[in-house]
Amino acid sequence: MKNTIVGIGVAVLLAHTGFSQEKTAPLTFEVADVQRSKQMKPMPDVDFKNSKLTAYNMTLKMIVMAAWDLKDDKMLVGAPAWFNTDQFDIVAKAPPDTPDATLKIMAQNLIMERFKMAIHKQDKEMPVYALTVKKDAPKLQPAAGGKSQCPPVAGTDGQAHRSCTNMTMADFALALPDMAPAYLELPVPAIATDHVERTPSAN
């Protein structure tokens, strides 16, 4: 179902004198190298895994959207024109066993520091998909623990099947557009946090 609700927009402003710091030290990478792209790669690429951030041939707009989990570029406003043209390579290493979600927070802090950016959130009305529960839908069961994952599995021909375990509904909602990009071209806001298990299917 496609609804219109109040979403969260991220406004990016270049700060001439920096920005206020949090009272606690921000999460940062142990080592980080940020440079303009020196050679063209076949495809732009960014990864947050194995305690490492790697980005090649990426515009800053693409990097910001990946670090802040923005699924629609309409959620990014106020950025200068070069955000979508100048390309950068980033290699940043975190302590061993750093969760992927923490890598994204580190990436946010790195971007704000190296590019002297100030970022704030504002309400913005935009179209999204609403994840709702039908009255006769089967109840989800609390997860027993273990690795959070949602791999493809075999199922009915003509349908895409995934088996999701130990995922919060927030993580599930964020992952939906990547599971079915041909059908979900809009963000799916996440509001629940309990870990559940389910096997979703999509036509």
N, C-alpha and C. Protein backbone atom coordinates (compact mmCIF):
# COMPACT_ATOMS: atom_id res chain seq x y z
N MET A 1 0.85 -1.19 0.00
CA MET A 1 0.00 0.00 0.00
C MET A 1 0.88 1.24 0.00
N LYS A 2 0.55 2.22 -0.84
CA LYS A 2 1.34 3.43 -0.94
C LYS A 2 0.64 4.55 -0.19
N ASN A 3 1.29 5.11 0.80
CA ASN A 3 0.73 6.19 1.60
C ASN A 3 1.64 7.40 1.55
N THR A 4 1.12 8.53 1.99
CA THR A 4 1.94 9.72 2.18
C THR A 4 1.97 10.05 3.65
N ILE A 5 3.16 10.06 4.26
CA ILE A 5 3.28 10.37 5.67
C ILE A 5 4.42 11.37 5.83
N VAL A 6 4.59 11.84 7.03
CA VAL A 6 5.71 12.74 7.31
C VAL A 6 6.98 11.92 7.44
N GLY A 7 7.93 12.16 6.55
CA GLY A 7 9.19 11.44 6.57
C GLY A 7 10.29 12.29 7.16
N ILE A 8 11.46 11.73 7.25
CA ILE A 8 12.62 12.45 7.77
C ILE A 8 13.51 12.83 6.60
N GLY A 9 13.75 14.11 6.45
CA GLY A 9 14.65 14.59 5.41
C GLY A 9 15.97 14.98 6.05
N VAL A 10 17.04 14.84 5.34
CA VAL A 10 18.35 15.23 5.83
C VAL A 10 18.82 16.42 5.01
N ALA A 11 19.02 17.54 5.65
CA ALA A 11 19.51 18.73 4.97
C ALA A 11 21.01 18.83 5.18
N VAL A 12 21.75 18.98 4.12
CA VAL A 12 23.21 19.06 4.19
C VAL A 12 23.63 20.48 3.93
N LEU A 13 24.36 21.06 4.85
CA LEU A 13 24.83 22.43 4.72
C LEU A 13 26.33 22.45 4.91
N LEU A 14 27.04 23.17 4.08
CA LEU A 14 28.48 23.32 4.27
C LEU A 14 28.72 24.32 5.38
N ALA A 15 29.47 23.93 6.39
CA ALA A 15 29.73 24.80 7.53
C ALA A 15 31.06 25.51 7.35
N HIS A 16 31.07 26.82 7.49
CA HIS A 16 32.31 27.58 7.32
C HIS A 16 33.17 27.56 8.59
N THR A 17 32.53 27.34 9.74
CA THR A 17 33.29 27.38 10.99
C THR A 17 33.14 26.11 11.80
N GLY A 18 32.70 25.03 11.16
CA GLY A 18 32.56 23.78 11.88
C GLY A 18 31.18 23.66 12.51
N PHE A 19 31.04 22.72 13.47
CA PHE A 19 29.76 22.48 14.10
C PHE A 19 30.01 22.04 15.53
N SER A 20 28.97 22.10 16.34
CA SER A 20 29.11 21.76 17.76
C SER A 20 29.37 20.27 17.92
N GLN A 21 30.18 19.90 18.89
CA GLN A 21 30.53 18.52 19.15
C GLN A 21 29.67 17.94 20.27
N GLU A 22 29.46 16.63 20.23
CA GLU A 22 28.76 15.95 21.30
C GLU A 22 29.63 15.93 22.55
N LYS A 23 29.01 15.76 23.70
CA LYS A 23 29.75 15.71 24.95
C LYS A 23 30.65 14.48 24.99
N THR A 24 30.15 13.36 24.43
CA THR A 24 30.96 12.15 24.39
C THR A 24 31.71 12.10 23.05
N ALA A 25 32.85 11.44 23.06
CA ALA A 25 33.65 11.36 21.85
C ALA A 25 32.89 10.57 20.78
N PRO A 26 32.85 11.08 19.55
CA PRO A 26 32.14 10.37 18.49
C PRO A 26 32.87 9.09 18.10
N LEU A 27 32.14 8.13 17.58
CA LEU A 27 32.73 6.89 17.10
C LEU A 27 33.53 7.19 15.84
N THR A 28 34.78 6.75 15.82
CA THR A 28 35.65 7.04 14.68
C THR A 28 36.42 5.80 14.26
N PHE A 29 36.89 5.81 13.02
CA PHE A 29 37.72 4.73 12.50
C PHE A 29 39.13 4.85 13.06
N GLU A 30 39.84 3.72 13.14
CA GLU A 30 41.23 3.75 13.57
C GLU A 30 42.11 4.42 12.52
N VAL A 31 41.84 4.12 11.25
CA VAL A 31 42.57 4.70 10.13
C VAL A 31 41.58 4.99 9.02
N ALA A 32 41.70 6.15 8.39
CA ALA A 32 40.78 6.50 7.30
C ALA A 32 41.51 7.31 6.24
N ASP A 33 41.35 6.92 4.99
CA ASP A 33 41.95 7.62 3.87
C ASP A 33 40.83 8.05 2.92
N VAL A 34 40.71 9.35 2.68
CA VAL A 34 39.68 9.92 1.81
C VAL A 34 40.38 10.69 0.70
N GLN A 35 40.15 10.30 -0.55
CA GLN A 35 40.78 10.97 -1.68
C GLN A 35 39.81 11.07 -2.85
N ARG A 36 40.10 12.04 -3.71
CA ARG A 36 39.35 12.10 -4.97
C ARG A 36 39.69 10.87 -5.80
N SER A 37 38.71 10.34 -6.51
CA SER A 37 38.95 9.15 -7.33
C SER A 37 39.99 9.47 -8.40
N LYS A 38 40.99 8.60 -8.49
CA LYS A 38 42.08 8.82 -9.45
C LYS A 38 41.91 8.00 -10.72
N GLN A 39 41.12 6.94 -10.64
CA GLN A 39 40.89 6.13 -11.83
C GLN A 39 39.46 5.63 -11.83
N MET A 40 38.91 5.49 -13.01
CA MET A 40 37.53 5.06 -13.15
C MET A 40 37.41 3.56 -12.90
N LYS A 41 36.47 3.17 -12.06
CA LYS A 41 36.17 1.77 -11.83
C LYS A 41 34.99 1.39 -12.73
N PRO A 42 34.78 0.09 -12.99
CA PRO A 42 33.62 -0.31 -13.81
C PRO A 42 32.31 0.20 -13.25
N MET A 43 32.15 0.14 -11.92
CA MET A 43 30.92 0.60 -11.29
C MET A 43 31.25 1.21 -9.93
N PRO A 44 30.55 2.28 -9.54
CA PRO A 44 30.73 2.80 -8.19
C PRO A 44 30.35 1.73 -7.18
N ASP A 45 31.02 1.72 -6.03
CA ASP A 45 30.75 0.67 -5.05
C ASP A 45 31.05 1.18 -3.65
N VAL A 46 30.22 0.79 -2.68
CA VAL A 46 30.46 1.12 -1.29
C VAL A 46 30.07 -0.08 -0.44
N ASP A 47 30.89 -0.41 0.55
CA ASP A 47 30.63 -1.56 1.43
C ASP A 47 30.89 -1.20 2.88
N PHE A 48 30.02 -1.68 3.76
CA PHE A 48 30.21 -1.56 5.21
C PHE A 48 30.22 -2.99 5.75
N LYS A 49 31.38 -3.59 5.84
CA LYS A 49 31.45 -4.96 6.35
C LYS A 49 32.87 -5.30 6.74
N ASN A 50 32.98 -6.39 7.53
CA ASN A 50 34.28 -6.87 7.98
C ASN A 50 35.10 -5.77 8.66
N SER A 51 34.43 -4.96 9.47
CA SER A 51 35.07 -3.89 10.23
C SER A 51 35.79 -2.89 9.32
N LYS A 52 35.21 -2.66 8.14
CA LYS A 52 35.88 -1.79 7.19
C LYS A 52 34.86 -1.09 6.29
N LEU A 53 35.13 0.17 5.98
CA LEU A 53 34.36 0.91 4.98
C LEU A 53 35.22 1.07 3.74
N THR A 54 34.69 0.66 2.61
CA THR A 54 35.38 0.88 1.34
C THR A 54 34.39 1.51 0.36
N ALA A 55 34.82 2.56 -0.30
CA ALA A 55 34.00 3.24 -1.31
C ALA A 55 34.91 3.63 -2.46
N TYR A 56 34.51 3.29 -3.67
CA TYR A 56 35.32 3.59 -4.84
C TYR A 56 34.46 4.28 -5.90
N ASN A 57 35.01 5.36 -6.45
CA ASN A 57 34.37 6.06 -7.56
C ASN A 57 32.95 6.50 -7.19
N MET A 58 32.78 6.92 -5.94
CA MET A 58 31.45 7.30 -5.43
C MET A 58 31.35 8.81 -5.31
N THR A 59 30.20 9.36 -5.72
CA THR A 59 29.94 10.76 -5.43
C THR A 59 29.63 10.89 -3.95
N LEU A 60 29.82 12.09 -3.41
CA LEU A 60 29.53 12.27 -1.99
C LEU A 60 28.04 12.07 -1.71
N LYS A 61 27.21 12.39 -2.67
CA LYS A 61 25.78 12.14 -2.51
C LYS A 61 25.50 10.66 -2.29
N MET A 62 26.15 9.80 -3.08
CA MET A 62 25.95 8.36 -2.94
C MET A 62 26.47 7.86 -1.59
N ILE A 63 27.61 8.41 -1.16
CA ILE A 63 28.18 7.98 0.12
C ILE A 63 27.30 8.41 1.27
N VAL A 64 26.79 9.64 1.23
CA VAL A 64 25.90 10.14 2.29
C VAL A 64 24.64 9.29 2.36
N MET A 65 24.06 8.98 1.21
CA MET A 65 22.83 8.18 1.20
C MET A 65 23.08 6.79 1.79
N ALA A 66 24.25 6.21 1.51
CA ALA A 66 24.57 4.89 2.05
C ALA A 66 24.82 4.95 3.55
N ALA A 67 25.53 5.97 4.02
CA ALA A 67 25.87 6.08 5.45
C ALA A 67 24.65 6.38 6.30
N TRP A 68 23.70 7.14 5.76
CA TRP A 68 22.50 7.50 6.52
C TRP A 68 21.30 6.64 6.15
N ASP A 69 21.50 5.60 5.35
CA ASP A 69 20.41 4.70 4.94
C ASP A 69 19.26 5.45 4.29
N LEU A 70 19.56 6.37 3.40
CA LEU A 70 18.53 7.09 2.67
C LEU A 70 18.18 6.30 1.41
N LYS A 71 16.93 5.90 1.28
CA LYS A 71 16.51 5.08 0.15
C LYS A 71 16.00 5.91 -1.03
N ASP A 72 15.77 7.18 -0.81
CA ASP A 72 15.24 8.06 -1.86
C ASP A 72 16.04 9.35 -1.83
N ASP A 73 16.57 9.77 -2.99
CA ASP A 73 17.40 10.98 -2.98
C ASP A 73 16.61 12.24 -2.67
N LYS A 74 15.28 12.14 -2.67
CA LYS A 74 14.46 13.28 -2.26
C LYS A 74 14.57 13.54 -0.76
N MET A 75 15.12 12.57 -0.03
CA MET A 75 15.32 12.75 1.41
C MET A 75 16.58 13.55 1.70
N LEU A 76 17.35 13.86 0.66
CA LEU A 76 18.57 14.64 0.82
C LEU A 76 18.37 15.99 0.14
N VAL A 77 18.34 17.05 0.92
CA VAL A 77 18.08 18.38 0.38
C VAL A 77 19.16 19.35 0.85
N GLY A 78 19.35 20.41 0.08
CA GLY A 78 20.27 21.45 0.48
C GLY A 78 21.72 21.19 0.14
N ALA A 79 22.01 20.12 -0.61
CA ALA A 79 23.40 19.79 -0.95
C ALA A 79 23.84 20.61 -2.16
N PRO A 80 25.11 20.99 -2.23
CA PRO A 80 25.62 21.74 -3.39
C PRO A 80 25.70 20.84 -4.62
N ALA A 81 25.82 21.44 -5.80
CA ALA A 81 25.79 20.69 -7.06
C ALA A 81 26.91 19.66 -7.14
N TRP A 82 28.10 19.99 -6.59
CA TRP A 82 29.24 19.06 -6.73
C TRP A 82 29.05 17.77 -5.95
N PHE A 83 28.05 17.73 -5.05
CA PHE A 83 27.75 16.50 -4.33
C PHE A 83 27.45 15.36 -5.29
N ASN A 84 26.88 15.69 -6.44
CA ASN A 84 26.44 14.66 -7.39
C ASN A 84 27.37 14.53 -8.58
N THR A 85 28.54 15.17 -8.53
CA THR A 85 29.47 15.10 -9.66
C THR A 85 30.88 14.66 -9.23
N ASP A 86 31.43 15.27 -8.19
CA ASP A 86 32.79 14.93 -7.76
C ASP A 86 32.81 13.53 -7.14
N GLN A 87 33.81 12.73 -7.50
CA GLN A 87 33.88 11.34 -7.06
C GLN A 87 35.05 11.12 -6.10
N PHE A 88 34.83 10.20 -5.13
CA PHE A 88 35.81 9.99 -4.08
C PHE A 88 36.03 8.50 -3.82
N ASP A 89 37.23 8.20 -3.31
CA ASP A 89 37.57 6.85 -2.83
C ASP A 89 37.81 6.95 -1.32
N ILE A 90 37.23 6.03 -0.56
CA ILE A 90 37.41 6.01 0.90
C ILE A 90 37.77 4.59 1.33
N VAL A 91 38.81 4.47 2.13
CA VAL A 91 39.15 3.21 2.79
C VAL A 91 39.35 3.53 4.26
N ALA A 92 38.52 2.95 5.12
CA ALA A 92 38.57 3.24 6.55
C ALA A 92 38.46 1.93 7.34
N LYS A 93 39.34 1.77 8.34
CA LYS A 93 39.37 0.54 9.13
C LYS A 93 38.94 0.82 10.56
N ALA A 94 38.08 -0.06 11.08
CA ALA A 94 37.59 0.03 12.45
C ALA A 94 38.18 -1.11 13.28
N PRO A 95 38.02 -1.08 14.60
CA PRO A 95 38.50 -2.19 15.42
C PRO A 95 37.84 -3.51 15.00
N PRO A 96 38.48 -4.64 15.23
CA PRO A 96 37.91 -5.94 14.85
C PRO A 96 36.52 -6.15 15.43
N ASP A 97 35.69 -6.84 14.65
CA ASP A 97 34.33 -7.21 15.09
C ASP A 97 33.42 -6.00 15.30
N THR A 98 33.69 -4.89 14.64
CA THR A 98 32.79 -3.74 14.72
C THR A 98 31.52 -4.05 13.93
N PRO A 99 30.33 -3.93 14.53
CA PRO A 99 29.08 -4.21 13.81
C PRO A 99 28.93 -3.30 12.60
N ASP A 100 28.26 -3.81 11.57
CA ASP A 100 28.06 -3.03 10.35
C ASP A 100 27.31 -1.74 10.63
N ALA A 101 26.33 -1.79 11.54
CA ALA A 101 25.56 -0.58 11.87
C ALA A 101 26.47 0.49 12.49
N THR A 102 27.43 0.06 13.30
CA THR A 102 28.37 1.00 13.91
C THR A 102 29.30 1.59 12.85
N LEU A 103 29.64 0.79 11.83
CA LEU A 103 30.47 1.30 10.73
C LEU A 103 29.79 2.49 10.05
N LYS A 104 28.47 2.44 9.94
CA LYS A 104 27.75 3.54 9.29
C LYS A 104 27.78 4.80 10.14
N ILE A 105 27.72 4.62 11.46
CA ILE A 105 27.82 5.80 12.35
C ILE A 105 29.21 6.40 12.24
N MET A 106 30.22 5.53 12.20
CA MET A 106 31.60 6.01 12.01
C MET A 106 31.73 6.75 10.69
N ALA A 107 31.09 6.21 9.64
CA ALA A 107 31.14 6.84 8.32
C ALA A 107 30.50 8.22 8.36
N GLN A 108 29.38 8.34 9.08
CA GLN A 108 28.73 9.65 9.21
C GLN A 108 29.67 10.66 9.85
N ASN A 109 30.32 10.25 10.93
CA ASN A 109 31.25 11.15 11.63
C ASN A 109 32.44 11.50 10.74
N LEU A 110 32.92 10.52 9.98
CA LEU A 110 34.05 10.75 9.08
C LEU A 110 33.68 11.77 8.00
N ILE A 111 32.50 11.60 7.41
CA ILE A 111 32.06 12.51 6.35
C ILE A 111 31.92 13.93 6.88
N MET A 112 31.31 14.08 8.05
CA MET A 112 31.12 15.41 8.60
C MET A 112 32.46 16.07 8.93
N GLU A 113 33.43 15.25 9.41
CA GLU A 113 34.73 15.81 9.77
C GLU A 113 35.54 16.19 8.53
N ARG A 114 35.68 15.28 7.58
CA ARG A 114 36.56 15.51 6.44
C ARG A 114 36.00 16.55 5.46
N PHE A 115 34.66 16.58 5.32
CA PHE A 115 34.07 17.51 4.36
C PHE A 115 33.50 18.75 5.02
N LYS A 116 33.76 18.90 6.34
CA LYS A 116 33.32 20.09 7.08
C LYS A 116 31.84 20.37 6.86
N MET A 117 31.03 19.34 7.12
CA MET A 117 29.59 19.43 6.89
C MET A 117 28.83 19.51 8.20
N ALA A 118 27.73 20.22 8.15
CA ALA A 118 26.76 20.22 9.25
C ALA A 118 25.48 19.59 8.72
N ILE A 119 24.96 18.63 9.44
CA ILE A 119 23.78 17.90 8.98
C ILE A 119 22.69 17.97 10.05
N HIS A 120 21.48 18.28 9.63
CA HIS A 120 20.36 18.26 10.56
C HIS A 120 19.16 17.62 9.90
N LYS A 121 18.25 17.14 10.72
CA LYS A 121 17.04 16.47 10.23
C LYS A 121 15.86 17.44 10.27
N GLN A 122 15.00 17.30 9.30
CA GLN A 122 13.79 18.12 9.27
C GLN A 122 12.64 17.27 8.76
N ASP A 123 11.43 17.63 9.16
CA ASP A 123 10.25 16.92 8.68
C ASP A 123 9.97 17.29 7.23
N LYS A 124 9.63 16.29 6.44
CA LYS A 124 9.31 16.51 5.04
C LYS A 124 8.26 15.51 4.61
N GLU A 125 7.17 15.98 4.04
CA GLU A 125 6.11 15.08 3.59
C GLU A 125 6.48 14.51 2.23
N MET A 126 6.47 13.18 2.13
CA MET A 126 6.85 12.53 0.89
C MET A 126 6.17 11.17 0.79
N PRO A 127 6.01 10.64 -0.42
CA PRO A 127 5.35 9.33 -0.56
C PRO A 127 6.25 8.20 -0.08
N VAL A 128 5.67 7.25 0.62
CA VAL A 128 6.39 6.07 1.11
C VAL A 128 5.46 4.88 1.08
N TYR A 129 6.00 3.70 1.29
CA TYR A 129 5.18 2.53 1.51
C TYR A 129 5.03 2.30 3.01
N ALA A 130 3.83 1.94 3.43
CA ALA A 130 3.55 1.70 4.85
C ALA A 130 3.52 0.19 5.10
N LEU A 131 4.33 -0.28 6.04
CA LEU A 131 4.34 -1.68 6.44
C LEU A 131 3.32 -1.87 7.54
N THR A 132 2.21 -2.55 7.24
CA THR A 132 1.12 -2.72 8.19
C THR A 132 0.82 -4.20 8.41
N VAL A 133 0.07 -4.51 9.46
CA VAL A 133 -0.29 -5.89 9.79
C VAL A 133 -1.79 -6.08 9.57
N LYS A 134 -2.15 -7.07 8.77
CA LYS A 134 -3.56 -7.36 8.54
C LYS A 134 -4.17 -8.02 9.78
N LYS A 135 -5.47 -7.87 9.94
CA LYS A 135 -6.13 -8.43 11.12
C LYS A 135 -6.00 -9.94 11.18
N ASP A 136 -6.05 -10.61 10.04
CA ASP A 136 -5.98 -12.07 10.02
C ASP A 136 -4.58 -12.60 9.71
N ALA A 137 -3.58 -11.73 9.80
CA ALA A 137 -2.21 -12.17 9.50
C ALA A 137 -1.66 -13.05 10.62
N PRO A 138 -0.80 -14.00 10.29
CA PRO A 138 -0.21 -14.85 11.34
C PRO A 138 0.68 -14.00 12.26
N LYS A 139 0.68 -14.34 13.54
CA LYS A 139 1.48 -13.59 14.50
C LYS A 139 2.95 -13.95 14.37
N LEU A 140 3.79 -12.95 14.45
CA LEU A 140 5.23 -13.18 14.39
C LEU A 140 5.72 -13.66 15.75
N GLN A 141 6.70 -14.54 15.72
CA GLN A 141 7.25 -15.10 16.94
C GLN A 141 8.57 -14.41 17.30
N PRO A 142 8.79 -14.16 18.60
CA PRO A 142 10.08 -13.58 19.01
C PRO A 142 11.23 -14.47 18.58
N ALA A 143 12.31 -13.87 18.13
CA ALA A 143 13.47 -14.63 17.67
C ALA A 143 14.17 -15.30 18.85
N ALA A 144 14.76 -16.46 18.57
CA ALA A 144 15.47 -17.21 19.60
C ALA A 144 16.91 -16.74 19.73
N GLY A 145 17.32 -15.81 18.88
CA GLY A 145 18.69 -15.33 18.91
C GLY A 145 19.47 -15.83 17.71
N GLY A 146 20.72 -15.53 17.67
CA GLY A 146 21.55 -15.95 16.56
C GLY A 146 21.82 -14.81 15.59
N LYS A 147 22.35 -15.15 14.43
CA LYS A 147 22.75 -14.16 13.44
C LYS A 147 21.55 -13.52 12.77
N SER A 148 21.60 -12.21 12.59
CA SER A 148 20.55 -11.51 11.86
C SER A 148 20.80 -11.66 10.37
N GLN A 149 19.85 -12.27 9.65
CA GLN A 149 20.05 -12.51 8.23
C GLN A 149 18.72 -12.66 7.51
N CYS A 150 18.76 -12.53 6.18
CA CYS A 150 17.55 -12.64 5.39
C CYS A 150 17.90 -13.16 4.00
N PRO A 151 18.44 -14.39 3.90
CA PRO A 151 18.91 -14.90 2.62
C PRO A 151 17.76 -15.40 1.72
N PRO A 152 17.97 -15.41 0.39
CA PRO A 152 16.99 -16.00 -0.53
C PRO A 152 16.87 -17.50 -0.28
N VAL A 153 15.67 -18.04 -0.43
CA VAL A 153 15.45 -19.48 -0.28
C VAL A 153 14.55 -19.96 -1.41
N ALA A 154 14.53 -21.27 -1.62
CA ALA A 154 13.70 -21.84 -2.67
C ALA A 154 12.22 -21.68 -2.31
N GLY A 155 11.38 -21.54 -3.34
CA GLY A 155 9.96 -21.38 -3.10
C GLY A 155 9.16 -21.55 -4.37
N THR A 156 7.95 -21.05 -4.37
CA THR A 156 7.06 -21.17 -5.52
C THR A 156 7.64 -20.46 -6.73
N ASP A 157 7.57 -21.09 -7.90
CA ASP A 157 8.05 -20.47 -9.12
C ASP A 157 7.31 -19.16 -9.38
N GLY A 158 8.06 -18.17 -9.85
CA GLY A 158 7.45 -16.88 -10.14
C GLY A 158 7.39 -15.95 -8.95
N GLN A 159 7.86 -16.42 -7.79
CA GLN A 159 7.88 -15.60 -6.59
C GLN A 159 9.29 -15.56 -6.02
N ALA A 160 9.58 -14.46 -5.32
CA ALA A 160 10.87 -14.34 -4.63
C ALA A 160 10.64 -14.66 -3.15
N HIS A 161 11.42 -15.57 -2.61
CA HIS A 161 11.27 -16.00 -1.23
C HIS A 161 12.55 -15.71 -0.43
N ARG A 162 12.37 -15.24 0.78
CA ARG A 162 13.50 -15.04 1.69
C ARG A 162 13.12 -15.55 3.07
N SER A 163 14.09 -16.07 3.78
CA SER A 163 13.89 -16.52 5.15
C SER A 163 14.64 -15.59 6.08
N CYS A 164 13.89 -14.77 6.83
CA CYS A 164 14.50 -13.75 7.68
C CYS A 164 14.49 -14.21 9.14
N THR A 165 15.64 -14.14 9.79
CA THR A 165 15.73 -14.56 11.19
C THR A 165 16.44 -13.49 12.01
N ASN A 166 15.96 -13.35 13.25
CA ASN A 166 16.56 -12.45 14.22
C ASN A 166 16.72 -11.03 13.68
N MET A 167 15.67 -10.53 13.04
CA MET A 167 15.68 -9.17 12.51
C MET A 167 14.66 -8.32 13.26
N THR A 168 15.03 -7.08 13.56
CA THR A 168 14.02 -6.14 14.07
C THR A 168 13.13 -5.75 12.90
N MET A 169 11.91 -5.32 13.21
CA MET A 169 11.04 -4.86 12.14
C MET A 169 11.61 -3.62 11.48
N ALA A 170 12.41 -2.85 12.22
CA ALA A 170 13.07 -1.69 11.63
C ALA A 170 14.06 -2.14 10.56
N ASP A 171 14.88 -3.16 10.88
CA ASP A 171 15.82 -3.69 9.90
C ASP A 171 15.10 -4.31 8.70
N PHE A 172 14.02 -5.01 8.99
CA PHE A 172 13.24 -5.66 7.92
C PHE A 172 12.67 -4.62 6.96
N ALA A 173 12.13 -3.54 7.52
CA ALA A 173 11.55 -2.48 6.69
C ALA A 173 12.62 -1.82 5.82
N LEU A 174 13.80 -1.57 6.41
CA LEU A 174 14.88 -0.94 5.65
C LEU A 174 15.38 -1.86 4.53
N ALA A 175 15.32 -3.17 4.76
CA ALA A 175 15.83 -4.12 3.78
C ALA A 175 14.86 -4.39 2.64
N LEU A 176 13.57 -4.13 2.84
CA LEU A 176 12.56 -4.48 1.84
C LEU A 176 12.83 -3.89 0.46
N PRO A 177 13.16 -2.59 0.34
CA PRO A 177 13.41 -2.05 -1.01
C PRO A 177 14.55 -2.75 -1.73
N ASP A 178 15.57 -3.22 -0.98
CA ASP A 178 16.68 -3.93 -1.61
C ASP A 178 16.28 -5.35 -2.01
N MET A 179 15.32 -5.94 -1.30
CA MET A 179 14.86 -7.29 -1.64
C MET A 179 14.05 -7.28 -2.94
N ALA A 180 13.26 -6.25 -3.14
CA ALA A 180 12.39 -6.19 -4.32
C ALA A 180 12.43 -4.79 -4.94
N PRO A 181 13.59 -4.39 -5.49
CA PRO A 181 13.73 -3.03 -6.02
C PRO A 181 12.80 -2.73 -7.18
N ALA A 182 12.38 -3.76 -7.93
CA ALA A 182 11.49 -3.53 -9.07
C ALA A 182 10.07 -3.19 -8.62
N TYR A 183 9.74 -3.52 -7.37
CA TYR A 183 8.38 -3.29 -6.87
C TYR A 183 8.33 -2.19 -5.82
N LEU A 184 9.42 -1.98 -5.10
CA LEU A 184 9.44 -0.99 -4.02
C LEU A 184 10.43 0.12 -4.38
N GLU A 185 9.95 1.11 -5.10
CA GLU A 185 10.82 2.21 -5.51
C GLU A 185 10.82 3.35 -4.50
N LEU A 186 10.05 3.19 -3.41
CA LEU A 186 9.97 4.20 -2.37
C LEU A 186 10.45 3.63 -1.04
N PRO A 187 10.83 4.49 -0.08
CA PRO A 187 11.27 4.00 1.24
C PRO A 187 10.13 3.31 1.98
N VAL A 188 10.51 2.45 2.94
CA VAL A 188 9.55 1.80 3.85
C VAL A 188 9.94 2.22 5.26
N PRO A 189 9.27 3.22 5.84
CA PRO A 189 9.65 3.68 7.19
C PRO A 189 9.55 2.56 8.20
N ALA A 190 10.45 2.56 9.17
CA ALA A 190 10.49 1.53 10.20
C ALA A 190 10.17 2.15 11.55
N ILE A 191 9.25 1.53 12.30
CA ILE A 191 8.88 2.07 13.60
C ILE A 191 9.00 1.04 14.71
N ALA A 192 9.05 -0.26 14.39
CA ALA A 192 9.11 -1.29 15.43
C ALA A 192 10.54 -1.74 15.65
N THR A 193 10.83 -2.29 16.84
CA THR A 193 12.20 -2.68 17.15
C THR A 193 12.33 -4.10 17.67
N ASP A 194 11.23 -4.79 17.96
CA ASP A 194 11.34 -6.14 18.49
C ASP A 194 11.91 -7.08 17.43
N HIS A 195 12.78 -8.03 17.84
CA HIS A 195 13.33 -9.02 16.92
C HIS A 195 12.28 -10.09 16.66
N VAL A 196 12.09 -10.41 15.37
CA VAL A 196 11.09 -11.41 15.00
C VAL A 196 11.68 -12.31 13.92
N GLU A 197 10.96 -13.39 13.63
CA GLU A 197 11.33 -14.28 12.57
C GLU A 197 10.13 -14.49 11.66
N ARG A 198 10.37 -14.45 10.34
CA ARG A 198 9.30 -14.70 9.39
C ARG A 198 9.92 -15.06 8.05
N THR A 199 9.12 -15.65 7.16
CA THR A 199 9.57 -15.97 5.82
C THR A 199 8.68 -15.22 4.84
N PRO A 200 9.12 -14.02 4.38
CA PRO A 200 8.30 -13.22 3.47
C PRO A 200 8.39 -13.73 2.04
N SER A 201 7.34 -13.51 1.25
CA SER A 201 7.33 -13.84 -0.15
C SER A 201 6.84 -12.64 -0.93
N ALA A 202 7.32 -12.50 -2.15
CA ALA A 202 6.90 -11.39 -3.00
C ALA A 202 6.64 -11.90 -4.39
N ASN A 203 5.52 -11.48 -5.02
CA ASN A 203 5.22 -11.87 -6.37
C ASN A 203 6.18 -11.21 -7.35
